[in-house]
Protein backbone atom coordinates (compact mmCIF):
# COMPACT_ATOMS: atom_id res chain seq x y z
CA UNK A 1 -1.90 -8.79 0.12
CA UNK A 2 -4.53 -6.19 0.86
CA UNK A 3 -6.79 -5.72 -2.18
CA UNK A 4 -7.92 -2.25 -1.06
CA UNK A 5 -4.34 -0.99 -0.85
CA UNK A 6 -3.51 -2.47 -4.24
CA UNK A 7 -6.59 -0.91 -5.87
CA UNK A 8 -5.92 2.52 -4.36
CA UNK A 9 -2.26 2.32 -5.40
CA UNK A 10 -3.25 1.53 -8.98
CA UNK A 11 -5.78 4.39 -9.00
CA UNK A 12 -3.18 6.78 -7.60
CA UNK A 13 -0.57 5.78 -10.16
CA UNK A 14 -3.01 5.97 -13.06
CA UNK A 15 -4.49 9.36 -12.15
CA UNK A 16 -1.12 10.86 -11.31
CA UNK A 17 0.52 9.73 -14.55
CA UNK A 18 -2.42 10.85 -16.69
CA UNK A 19 -2.42 14.30 -15.09
CA UNK A 20 1.37 14.44 -15.32
CA UNK A 21 1.20 13.81 -19.06
CA UNK A 22 -1.49 16.47 -19.48
CA UNK A 23 0.53 18.91 -17.37
CA UNK A 24 3.71 18.18 -19.30
CA UNK A 25 1.95 18.80 -22.61
CA UNK A 26 0.47 22.04 -21.28
CA UNK A 27 3.85 23.18 -19.94
CA UNK A 28 5.46 22.54 -23.32
CA UNK A 29 2.68 24.30 -25.20
CA UNK A 30 2.43 27.38 -22.99
CA UNK A 31 6.10 27.40 -21.95
CA UNK A 32 5.14 27.74 -18.27
CA UNK A 33 7.61 26.34 -15.76
CA UNK A 34 5.02 26.29 -12.95
CA UNK A 35 2.82 23.83 -14.83
CA UNK A 36 5.89 21.71 -15.54
CA UNK A 37 6.76 21.60 -11.84
CA UNK A 38 3.22 20.52 -10.97
CA UNK A 39 3.48 17.80 -13.64
CA UNK A 40 6.79 16.63 -12.16
CA UNK A 41 5.21 16.48 -8.68
CA UNK A 42 2.36 14.41 -10.05
CA UNK A 43 4.86 12.06 -11.69
CA UNK A 44 6.52 11.55 -8.31
CA UNK A 45 3.12 10.72 -6.79
CA UNK A 46 2.63 8.21 -9.61
CA UNK A 47 5.96 6.58 -8.80
CA UNK A 48 4.90 6.27 -5.14
CA UNK A 49 1.70 4.57 -6.30
CA UNK A 50 3.60 2.13 -8.51
CA UNK A 51 6.10 1.28 -5.78
CA UNK A 52 3.34 0.72 -3.24
CA UNK A 53 1.59 -1.67 -5.63
CA UNK A 54 4.87 -3.49 -6.29
CA UNK A 55 5.43 -3.82 -2.56
CA UNK A 56 1.93 -5.26 -2.11
CA UNK A 57 2.55 -7.80 -4.87
CA UNK A 58 5.93 -8.86 -3.51
CA UNK A 59 7.75 -7.42 -0.48
CA UNK A 60 11.03 -7.76 -2.41
CA UNK A 61 10.04 -4.76 -4.57
CA UNK A 62 9.94 -1.29 -3.10
CA UNK A 63 10.58 -2.39 0.48
CA UNK A 64 10.85 1.12 1.95
CA UNK A 65 7.70 2.17 0.11
CA UNK A 66 5.21 0.21 2.17
CA UNK A 67 2.25 2.56 2.30
CA UNK A 68 -0.99 1.70 4.04
CA UNK A 69 -4.43 2.34 2.59
CA UNK A 70 -5.17 5.56 4.51
CA UNK A 71 -2.19 7.60 3.22
CA UNK A 72 -2.84 6.27 -0.28
CA UNK A 73 -6.48 7.37 -0.05
CA UNK A 74 -5.35 10.83 1.06
CA UNK A 75 -2.97 11.02 -1.92
CA UNK A 76 -5.81 10.00 -4.26
CA UNK A 77 -7.98 12.77 -2.79
CA UNK A 78 -5.15 15.29 -3.27
CA UNK A 79 -4.68 14.25 -6.90
CA UNK A 80 -8.45 14.41 -7.40
CA UNK A 81 -8.51 17.97 -6.07
CA UNK A 82 -5.70 18.88 -8.49
CA UNK A 83 -7.75 17.34 -11.29
CA UNK A 84 -10.77 19.43 -10.32
CA UNK A 85 -8.61 22.54 -10.23
CA UNK A 86 -7.33 21.80 -13.74
CA UNK A 87 -10.68 21.08 -15.36
CA UNK A 88 -12.69 23.79 -13.63
CA UNK A 89 -12.63 27.13 -15.42
CA UNK A 90 -11.17 30.22 -13.86
CA UNK A 91 -13.20 33.16 -12.61
CA UNK A 92 -15.63 34.55 -15.12
CA UNK A 93 -15.17 38.13 -16.22
CA UNK A 94 -18.28 40.26 -16.27
CA UNK A 95 -19.35 41.32 -19.77
CA UNK A 96 -18.26 44.82 -20.71
């Protein structure tokens, strides 16, 4: 078991599922299919994180989902960039 891979998998799953829940709530509130699709993509990333952690715990679980630490770190960075895009405000309009 590689502790770094396990930790990154847990971080990926947690961040992805939290953002997926926020995106799903926003999609339902604003009735925007694009936000819903982003939330679904984040949920898939969360599933990859969970399966990679399960494979690290026991190779019997999620056998085809053996993911090393580097791709998991890249996925965490991608989810982090999505988080920054969601929390950062849009362009400011000049006062009229």
